[in-house]
All heavy atoms as atom14 arrays in JSON, in Angstrom:
{
  "sequence": "AIGNTAAVVGFGGVAKASPAFDQAVQAMTDLPGSPLIGG",
  "atom14_mask": [
    [1, 1, 1, 1, 1, 0, 0, 0, 0, 0, 0, 0, 0, 0],
    [1, 1, 1, 1, 1, 1, 1, 1, 0, 0, 0, 0, 0, 0],
    [1, 1, 1, 1, 0, 0, 0, 0, 0, 0, 0, 0, 0, 0],
    [1, 1, 1, 1, 1, 1, 1, 1, 0, 0, 0, 0, 0, 0],
    [1, 1, 1, 1, 1, 1, 1, 0, 0, 0, 0, 0, 0, 0],
    [1, 1, 1, 1, 1, 0, 0, 0, 0, 0, 0, 0, 0, 0],
    [1, 1, 1, 1, 1, 0, 0, 0, 0, 0, 0, 0, 0, 0],
    [1, 1, 1, 1, 1, 1, 1, 0, 0, 0, 0, 0, 0, 0],
    [1, 1, 1, 1, 1, 1, 1, 0, 0, 0, 0, 0, 0, 0],
    [1, 1, 1, 1, 0, 0, 0, 0, 0, 0, 0, 0, 0, 0],
    [1, 1, 1, 1, 1, 1, 1, 1, 1, 1, 1, 0, 0, 0],
    [1, 1, 1, 1, 0, 0, 0, 0, 0, 0, 0, 0, 0, 0],
    [1, 1, 1, 1, 0, 0, 0, 0, 0, 0, 0, 0, 0, 0],
    [1, 1, 1, 1, 1, 1, 1, 0, 0, 0, 0, 0, 0, 0],
    [1, 1, 1, 1, 1, 0, 0, 0, 0, 0, 0, 0, 0, 0],
    [1, 1, 1, 1, 1, 1, 1, 1, 1, 0, 0, 0, 0, 0],
    [1, 1, 1, 1, 1, 0, 0, 0, 0, 0, 0, 0, 0, 0],
    [1, 1, 1, 1, 1, 1, 0, 0, 0, 0, 0, 0, 0, 0],
    [1, 1, 1, 1, 1, 1, 1, 0, 0, 0, 0, 0, 0, 0],
    [1, 1, 1, 1, 1, 0, 0, 0, 0, 0, 0, 0, 0, 0],
    [1, 1, 1, 1, 1, 1, 1, 1, 1, 1, 1, 0, 0, 0],
    [1, 1, 1, 1, 1, 1, 1, 1, 0, 0, 0, 0, 0, 0],
    [1, 1, 1, 1, 1, 1, 1, 1, 1, 0, 0, 0, 0, 0],
    [1, 1, 1, 1, 1, 0, 0, 0, 0, 0, 0, 0, 0, 0],
    [1, 1, 1, 1, 1, 1, 1, 0, 0, 0, 0, 0, 0, 0],
    [1, 1, 1, 1, 1, 1, 1, 1, 1, 0, 0, 0, 0, 0],
    [1, 1, 1, 1, 1, 0, 0, 0, 0, 0, 0, 0, 0, 0],
    [1, 1, 1, 1, 1, 1, 1, 1, 0, 0, 0, 0, 0, 0],
    [1, 1, 1, 1, 1, 1, 1, 0, 0, 0, 0, 0, 0, 0],
    [1, 1, 1, 1, 1, 1, 1, 1, 0, 0, 0, 0, 0, 0],
    [1, 1, 1, 1, 1, 1, 1, 1, 0, 0, 0, 0, 0, 0],
    [1, 1, 1, 1, 1, 1, 1, 0, 0, 0, 0, 0, 0, 0],
    [1, 1, 1, 1, 0, 0, 0, 0, 0, 0, 0, 0, 0, 0],
    [1, 1, 1, 1, 1, 1, 0, 0, 0, 0, 0, 0, 0, 0],
    [1, 1, 1, 1, 1, 1, 1, 0, 0, 0, 0, 0, 0, 0],
    [1, 1, 1, 1, 1, 1, 1, 1, 0, 0, 0, 0, 0, 0],
    [1, 1, 1, 1, 1, 1, 1, 1, 0, 0, 0, 0, 0, 0],
    [1, 1, 1, 1, 0, 0, 0, 0, 0, 0, 0, 0, 0, 0],
    [1, 1, 1, 1, 0, 0, 0, 0, 0, 0, 0, 0, 0, 0]
  ],
  "atom14_positions": [
    [[3.77, -16.65, -236.66], [3.8, -17.89, -237.43], [3.73, -19.1, -236.34], [3.04, -20.05, -236.47], [5.08, -17.93, -238.25], [0.0, 0.0, 0.0], [0.0, 0.0, 0.0], [0.0, 0.0, 0.0], [0.0, 0.0, 0.0], [0.0, 0.0, 0.0], [0.0, 0.0, 0.0], [0.0, 0.0, 0.0], [0.0, 0.0, 0.0], [0.0, 0.0, 0.0]],
    [[4.54, -18.93, -235.34], [4.65, -20.15, -234.46], [3.38, -20.15, -233.65], [2.92, -21.19, -233.14], [5.97, -20.01, -233.58], [6.18, -21.41, -232.96], [5.83, -18.95, -232.38], [7.54, -21.57, -232.46], [0.0, 0.0, 0.0], [0.0, 0.0, 0.0], [0.0, 0.0, 0.0], [0.0, 0.0, 0.0], [0.0, 0.0, 0.0], [0.0, 0.0, 0.0]],
    [[2.71, -19.01, -233.27], [1.54, -19.04, -232.64], [0.38, -19.7, -233.28], [-0.36, -20.64, -232.79], [0.0, 0.0, 0.0], [0.0, 0.0, 0.0], [0.0, 0.0, 0.0], [0.0, 0.0, 0.0], [0.0, 0.0, 0.0], [0.0, 0.0, 0.0], [0.0, 0.0, 0.0], [0.0, 0.0, 0.0], [0.0, 0.0, 0.0], [0.0, 0.0, 0.0]],
    [[0.35, -19.39, -234.66], [-0.73, -20.13, -235.39], [-0.49, -21.63, -235.56], [-1.5, -22.33, -235.45], [-0.72, -19.39, -236.88], [-1.37, -18.09, -236.97], [-2.3, -17.83, -236.15], [-1.04, -17.29, -237.8], [0.0, 0.0, 0.0], [0.0, 0.0, 0.0], [0.0, 0.0, 0.0], [0.0, 0.0, 0.0], [0.0, 0.0, 0.0], [0.0, 0.0, 0.0]],
    [[0.79, -21.93, -235.73], [1.1, -23.31, -235.8], [0.77, -24.15, -234.56], [0.26, -25.18, -234.48], [2.58, -23.61, -236.35], [2.68, -22.76, -237.46], [2.84, -24.99, -236.61], [0.0, 0.0, 0.0], [0.0, 0.0, 0.0], [0.0, 0.0, 0.0], [0.0, 0.0, 0.0], [0.0, 0.0, 0.0], [0.0, 0.0, 0.0], [0.0, 0.0, 0.0]],
    [[1.27, -23.59, -233.46], [1.05, -24.21, -232.11], [-0.42, -24.27, -231.72], [-0.81, -25.26, -231.12], [1.85, -23.38, -231.12], [0.0, 0.0, 0.0], [0.0, 0.0, 0.0], [0.0, 0.0, 0.0], [0.0, 0.0, 0.0], [0.0, 0.0, 0.0], [0.0, 0.0, 0.0], [0.0, 0.0, 0.0], [0.0, 0.0, 0.0], [0.0, 0.0, 0.0]],
    [[-1.14, -23.38, -232.17], [-2.61, -23.38, -231.94], [-3.16, -24.69, -232.54], [-4.07, -25.46, -231.91], [-3.3, -22.24, -232.39], [0.0, 0.0, 0.0], [0.0, 0.0, 0.0], [0.0, 0.0, 0.0], [0.0, 0.0, 0.0], [0.0, 0.0, 0.0], [0.0, 0.0, 0.0], [0.0, 0.0, 0.0], [0.0, 0.0, 0.0], [0.0, 0.0, 0.0]],
    [[-2.77, -25.06, -233.75], [-3.3, -26.23, -234.44], [-2.6, -27.49, -233.85], [-3.39, -28.51, -233.63], [-2.92, -26.21, -235.97], [-3.42, -27.54, -236.68], [-3.64, -24.94, -236.51], [0.0, 0.0, 0.0], [0.0, 0.0, 0.0], [0.0, 0.0, 0.0], [0.0, 0.0, 0.0], [0.0, 0.0, 0.0], [0.0, 0.0, 0.0], [0.0, 0.0, 0.0]],
    [[-1.43, -27.4, -233.47], [-0.79, -28.54, -232.76], [-1.55, -28.87, -231.38], [-1.75, -29.99, -230.93], [0.66, -28.23, -232.44], [1.3, -29.36, -231.55], [1.47, -28.16, -233.73], [0.0, 0.0, 0.0], [0.0, 0.0, 0.0], [0.0, 0.0, 0.0], [0.0, 0.0, 0.0], [0.0, 0.0, 0.0], [0.0, 0.0, 0.0], [0.0, 0.0, 0.0]],
    [[-2.01, -27.9, -230.58], [-2.75, -28.03, -229.48], [-4.06, -28.7, -229.81], [-4.43, -29.59, -228.93], [0.0, 0.0, 0.0], [0.0, 0.0, 0.0], [0.0, 0.0, 0.0], [0.0, 0.0, 0.0], [0.0, 0.0, 0.0], [0.0, 0.0, 0.0], [0.0, 0.0, 0.0], [0.0, 0.0, 0.0], [0.0, 0.0, 0.0], [0.0, 0.0, 0.0]],
    [[-4.69, -28.35, -230.83], [-5.95, -29.14, -231.21], [-5.7, -30.58, -231.36], [-6.44, -31.52, -230.94], [-6.48, -28.56, -232.47], [-7.59, -29.41, -233.05], [-8.87, -29.26, -232.63], [-7.31, -30.33, -234.12], [-9.99, -30.08, -233.11], [-8.32, -31.09, -234.63], [-9.7, -30.96, -234.13], [0.0, 0.0, 0.0], [0.0, 0.0, 0.0], [0.0, 0.0, 0.0]],
    [[-4.53, -30.9, -232.03], [-4.15, -32.27, -232.18], [-3.87, -32.97, -230.86], [-4.28, -34.15, -230.72], [0.0, 0.0, 0.0], [0.0, 0.0, 0.0], [0.0, 0.0, 0.0], [0.0, 0.0, 0.0], [0.0, 0.0, 0.0], [0.0, 0.0, 0.0], [0.0, 0.0, 0.0], [0.0, 0.0, 0.0], [0.0, 0.0, 0.0], [0.0, 0.0, 0.0]],
    [[-3.34, -32.31, -229.93], [-3.13, -32.91, -228.66], [-4.37, -33.31, -227.95], [-4.48, -34.31, -227.21], [0.0, 0.0, 0.0], [0.0, 0.0, 0.0], [0.0, 0.0, 0.0], [0.0, 0.0, 0.0], [0.0, 0.0, 0.0], [0.0, 0.0, 0.0], [0.0, 0.0, 0.0], [0.0, 0.0, 0.0], [0.0, 0.0, 0.0], [0.0, 0.0, 0.0]],
    [[-5.48, -32.5, -228.02], [-6.75, -32.85, -227.48], [-7.43, -34.02, -228.36], [-7.99, -34.86, -227.69], [-7.61, -31.63, -227.51], [-9.15, -31.99, -226.95], [-6.99, -30.61, -226.59], [0.0, 0.0, 0.0], [0.0, 0.0, 0.0], [0.0, 0.0, 0.0], [0.0, 0.0, 0.0], [0.0, 0.0, 0.0], [0.0, 0.0, 0.0], [0.0, 0.0, 0.0]],
    [[-7.3, -33.9, -229.62], [-7.88, -34.9, -230.44], [-7.32, -36.25, -230.16], [-8.02, -37.27, -230.15], [-7.73, -34.54, -231.97], [0.0, 0.0, 0.0], [0.0, 0.0, 0.0], [0.0, 0.0, 0.0], [0.0, 0.0, 0.0], [0.0, 0.0, 0.0], [0.0, 0.0, 0.0], [0.0, 0.0, 0.0], [0.0, 0.0, 0.0], [0.0, 0.0, 0.0]],
    [[-6.04, -36.46, -230.05], [-5.47, -37.7, -229.73], [-5.77, -38.3, -228.36], [-5.59, -39.4, -228.1], [-3.92, -37.62, -229.71], [-3.33, -37.41, -231.26], [-1.87, -37.44, -231.33], [-1.24, -36.24, -230.75], [0.23, -36.23, -230.96], [0.0, 0.0, 0.0], [0.0, 0.0, 0.0], [0.0, 0.0, 0.0], [0.0, 0.0, 0.0], [0.0, 0.0, 0.0]],
    [[-6.29, -37.45, -227.42], [-6.71, -37.91, -226.21], [-8.11, -38.41, -226.17], [-8.71, -38.95, -225.16], [-6.57, -36.73, -225.19], [0.0, 0.0, 0.0], [0.0, 0.0, 0.0], [0.0, 0.0, 0.0], [0.0, 0.0, 0.0], [0.0, 0.0, 0.0], [0.0, 0.0, 0.0], [0.0, 0.0, 0.0], [0.0, 0.0, 0.0], [0.0, 0.0, 0.0]],
    [[-8.85, -38.09, -227.17], [-10.28, -38.64, -227.27], [-10.32, -40.12, -227.44], [-9.5, -40.74, -228.13], [-11.05, -37.91, -228.33], [-10.55, -38.34, -229.7], [0.0, 0.0, 0.0], [0.0, 0.0, 0.0], [0.0, 0.0, 0.0], [0.0, 0.0, 0.0], [0.0, 0.0, 0.0], [0.0, 0.0, 0.0], [0.0, 0.0, 0.0], [0.0, 0.0, 0.0]],
    [[-11.37, -40.8, -226.86], [-11.56, -42.2, -227.11], [-11.7, -42.61, -228.53], [-11.17, -43.67, -228.99], [-12.76, -42.61, -226.28], [-12.87, -41.44, -225.21], [-12.37, -40.19, -225.83], [0.0, 0.0, 0.0], [0.0, 0.0, 0.0], [0.0, 0.0, 0.0], [0.0, 0.0, 0.0], [0.0, 0.0, 0.0], [0.0, 0.0, 0.0], [0.0, 0.0, 0.0]],
    [[-12.34, -41.76, -229.29], [-12.61, -42.07, -230.74], [-11.37, -42.14, -231.47], [-11.33, -42.74, -232.54], [-13.56, -41.09, -231.27], [0.0, 0.0, 0.0], [0.0, 0.0, 0.0], [0.0, 0.0, 0.0], [0.0, 0.0, 0.0], [0.0, 0.0, 0.0], [0.0, 0.0, 0.0], [0.0, 0.0, 0.0], [0.0, 0.0, 0.0], [0.0, 0.0, 0.0]],
    [[-10.32, -41.39, -231.16], [-9.03, -41.37, -231.84], [-8.49, -42.76, -231.87], [-8.05, -43.22, -232.91], [-8.12, -40.37, -231.29], [-6.89, -40.08, -232.07], [-6.79, -39.2, -233.19], [-5.68, -40.85, -231.86], [-5.78, -39.09, -234.03], [-4.52, -40.72, -232.64], [-4.65, -39.78, -233.63], [0.0, 0.0, 0.0], [0.0, 0.0, 0.0], [0.0, 0.0, 0.0]],
    [[-8.4, -43.41, -230.7], [-7.92, -44.78, -230.67], [-8.61, -45.78, -231.54], [-8.14, -46.57, -232.31], [-7.76, -45.25, -229.22], [-6.72, -44.59, -228.38], [-5.86, -44.05, -228.98], [-6.83, -44.46, -227.08], [0.0, 0.0, 0.0], [0.0, 0.0, 0.0], [0.0, 0.0, 0.0], [0.0, 0.0, 0.0], [0.0, 0.0, 0.0], [0.0, 0.0, 0.0]],
    [[-10.02, -45.53, -231.49], [-10.89, -46.3, -232.22], [-10.64, -46.19, -233.76], [-10.64, -47.11, -234.55], [-12.39, -46.16, -231.99], [-12.72, -46.43, -230.51], [-14.07, -46.04, -230.2], [-14.92, -45.6, -231.04], [-14.36, -45.93, -228.87], [0.0, 0.0, 0.0], [0.0, 0.0, 0.0], [0.0, 0.0, 0.0], [0.0, 0.0, 0.0], [0.0, 0.0, 0.0]],
    [[-10.46, -44.91, -234.12], [-10.22, -44.52, -235.61], [-8.96, -45.16, -236.03], [-8.79, -45.62, -237.1], [-10.2, -43.06, -235.79], [0.0, 0.0, 0.0], [0.0, 0.0, 0.0], [0.0, 0.0, 0.0], [0.0, 0.0, 0.0], [0.0, 0.0, 0.0], [0.0, 0.0, 0.0], [0.0, 0.0, 0.0], [0.0, 0.0, 0.0], [0.0, 0.0, 0.0]],
    [[-7.89, -45.03, -235.13], [-6.59, -45.59, -235.49], [-6.61, -47.13, -235.77], [-6.13, -47.67, -236.65], [-5.47, -45.26, -234.39], [-4.22, -45.96, -234.68], [-5.18, -43.73, -234.39], [0.0, 0.0, 0.0], [0.0, 0.0, 0.0], [0.0, 0.0, 0.0], [0.0, 0.0, 0.0], [0.0, 0.0, 0.0], [0.0, 0.0, 0.0], [0.0, 0.0, 0.0]],
    [[-7.37, -47.74, -234.84], [-7.49, -49.2, -234.89], [-8.23, -49.65, -236.23], [-7.8, -50.56, -236.87], [-8.17, -49.67, -233.66], [-8.1, -51.23, -233.46], [-6.62, -51.66, -233.28], [-5.95, -51.09, -232.43], [-6.27, -52.81, -234.0], [0.0, 0.0, 0.0], [0.0, 0.0, 0.0], [0.0, 0.0, 0.0], [0.0, 0.0, 0.0], [0.0, 0.0, 0.0]],
    [[-9.22, -48.86, -236.52], [-10.09, -49.17, -237.7], [-9.17, -49.0, -238.89], [-9.26, -49.73, -239.9], [-11.26, -48.24, -237.72], [0.0, 0.0, 0.0], [0.0, 0.0, 0.0], [0.0, 0.0, 0.0], [0.0, 0.0, 0.0], [0.0, 0.0, 0.0], [0.0, 0.0, 0.0], [0.0, 0.0, 0.0], [0.0, 0.0, 0.0], [0.0, 0.0, 0.0]],
    [[-8.45, -47.83, -238.91], [-7.5, -47.67, -240.13], [-6.43, -48.71, -240.35], [-6.21, -49.08, -241.42], [-6.92, -46.23, -239.93], [-7.86, -45.06, -240.09], [-8.62, -44.95, -241.74], [-10.28, -45.6, -241.35], [0.0, 0.0, 0.0], [0.0, 0.0, 0.0], [0.0, 0.0, 0.0], [0.0, 0.0, 0.0], [0.0, 0.0, 0.0], [0.0, 0.0, 0.0]],
    [[-5.92, -49.22, -239.18], [-4.89, -50.06, -239.35], [-5.3, -51.49, -239.52], [-4.56, -52.43, -239.77], [-3.92, -50.08, -238.05], [-4.86, -50.28, -236.93], [-3.22, -48.81, -237.96], [0.0, 0.0, 0.0], [0.0, 0.0, 0.0], [0.0, 0.0, 0.0], [0.0, 0.0, 0.0], [0.0, 0.0, 0.0], [0.0, 0.0, 0.0], [0.0, 0.0, 0.0]],
    [[-6.64, -51.83, -239.53], [-7.17, -53.07, -239.69], [-7.97, -53.24, -240.9], [-8.82, -54.11, -241.15], [-8.29, -53.35, -238.4], [-7.51, -53.74, -237.15], [-6.28, -54.09, -237.15], [-8.11, -53.68, -236.1], [0.0, 0.0, 0.0], [0.0, 0.0, 0.0], [0.0, 0.0, 0.0], [0.0, 0.0, 0.0], [0.0, 0.0, 0.0], [0.0, 0.0, 0.0]],
    [[-7.65, -52.3, -241.83], [-8.27, -52.34, -243.23], [-8.0, -53.55, -243.93], [-6.78, -54.01, -244.03], [-7.94, -51.13, -243.89], [-8.52, -49.73, -243.44], [-7.86, -48.61, -244.27], [-10.06, -49.78, -243.65], [0.0, 0.0, 0.0], [0.0, 0.0, 0.0], [0.0, 0.0, 0.0], [0.0, 0.0, 0.0], [0.0, 0.0, 0.0], [0.0, 0.0, 0.0]],
    [[-9.03, -54.25, -244.46], [-8.69, -55.51, -245.36], [-8.15, -55.1, -246.63], [-8.0, -54.01, -246.97], [-10.13, -56.1, -245.55], [-10.98, -54.93, -245.49], [-10.38, -53.93, -244.51], [0.0, 0.0, 0.0], [0.0, 0.0, 0.0], [0.0, 0.0, 0.0], [0.0, 0.0, 0.0], [0.0, 0.0, 0.0], [0.0, 0.0, 0.0], [0.0, 0.0, 0.0]],
    [[-7.62, -56.22, -247.34], [-7.05, -55.91, -248.6], [-5.48, -55.86, -248.55], [-4.9, -56.25, -247.63], [0.0, 0.0, 0.0], [0.0, 0.0, 0.0], [0.0, 0.0, 0.0], [0.0, 0.0, 0.0], [0.0, 0.0, 0.0], [0.0, 0.0, 0.0], [0.0, 0.0, 0.0], [0.0, 0.0, 0.0], [0.0, 0.0, 0.0], [0.0, 0.0, 0.0]],
    [[-4.97, -55.27, -249.71], [-3.54, -55.14, -249.75], [-3.09, -54.35, -248.62], [-3.5, -53.19, -248.3], [-3.26, -54.44, -251.04], [-1.84, -54.01, -251.08], [0.0, 0.0, 0.0], [0.0, 0.0, 0.0], [0.0, 0.0, 0.0], [0.0, 0.0, 0.0], [0.0, 0.0, 0.0], [0.0, 0.0, 0.0], [0.0, 0.0, 0.0], [0.0, 0.0, 0.0]],
    [[-1.81, -54.84, -248.02], [-1.28, -54.17, -246.87], [-0.8, -52.77, -247.31], [-0.81, -51.75, -246.54], [-0.11, -55.03, -246.38], [-0.56, -56.45, -246.79], [-1.37, -56.19, -248.12], [0.0, 0.0, 0.0], [0.0, 0.0, 0.0], [0.0, 0.0, 0.0], [0.0, 0.0, 0.0], [0.0, 0.0, 0.0], [0.0, 0.0, 0.0], [0.0, 0.0, 0.0]],
    [[-0.33, -52.65, -248.46], [0.16, -51.36, -248.96], [-0.9, -50.31, -249.05], [-0.8, -49.19, -248.66], [0.91, -51.48, -250.37], [2.1, -52.34, -250.37], [2.75, -52.25, -251.81], [3.18, -51.77, -249.45], [0.0, 0.0, 0.0], [0.0, 0.0, 0.0], [0.0, 0.0, 0.0], [0.0, 0.0, 0.0], [0.0, 0.0, 0.0], [0.0, 0.0, 0.0]],
    [[-2.07, -50.7, -249.49], [-3.24, -49.86, -249.55], [-3.7, -49.55, -248.15], [-4.04, -48.36, -247.74], [-4.4, -50.55, -250.36], [-3.99, -50.71, -251.83], [-5.64, -49.69, -250.32], [-5.11, -51.4, -252.72], [0.0, 0.0, 0.0], [0.0, 0.0, 0.0], [0.0, 0.0, 0.0], [0.0, 0.0, 0.0], [0.0, 0.0, 0.0], [0.0, 0.0, 0.0]],
    [[-3.74, -50.52, -247.32], [-4.13, -50.22, -245.98], [-3.18, -49.44, -245.17], [-3.54, -48.48, -244.54], [0.0, 0.0, 0.0], [0.0, 0.0, 0.0], [0.0, 0.0, 0.0], [0.0, 0.0, 0.0], [0.0, 0.0, 0.0], [0.0, 0.0, 0.0], [0.0, 0.0, 0.0], [0.0, 0.0, 0.0], [0.0, 0.0, 0.0], [0.0, 0.0, 0.0]],
    [[-1.93, -49.47, -245.43], [-0.96, -48.71, -244.74], [-1.02, -47.31, -245.23], [-0.91, -46.29, -244.48], [0.0, 0.0, 0.0], [0.0, 0.0, 0.0], [0.0, 0.0, 0.0], [0.0, 0.0, 0.0], [0.0, 0.0, 0.0], [0.0, 0.0, 0.0], [0.0, 0.0, 0.0], [0.0, 0.0, 0.0], [0.0, 0.0, 0.0], [0.0, 0.0, 0.0]]
  ]
}
């Protein structure tokens, strides 16, 4: 169980290090319209 879960967590660790991840986060947090919808 922990091996399967940690394997996916490892993928997330690499995904967060990609330049596109920061761009995606910025795009998501800059969405126009209602702040509740954007959040």
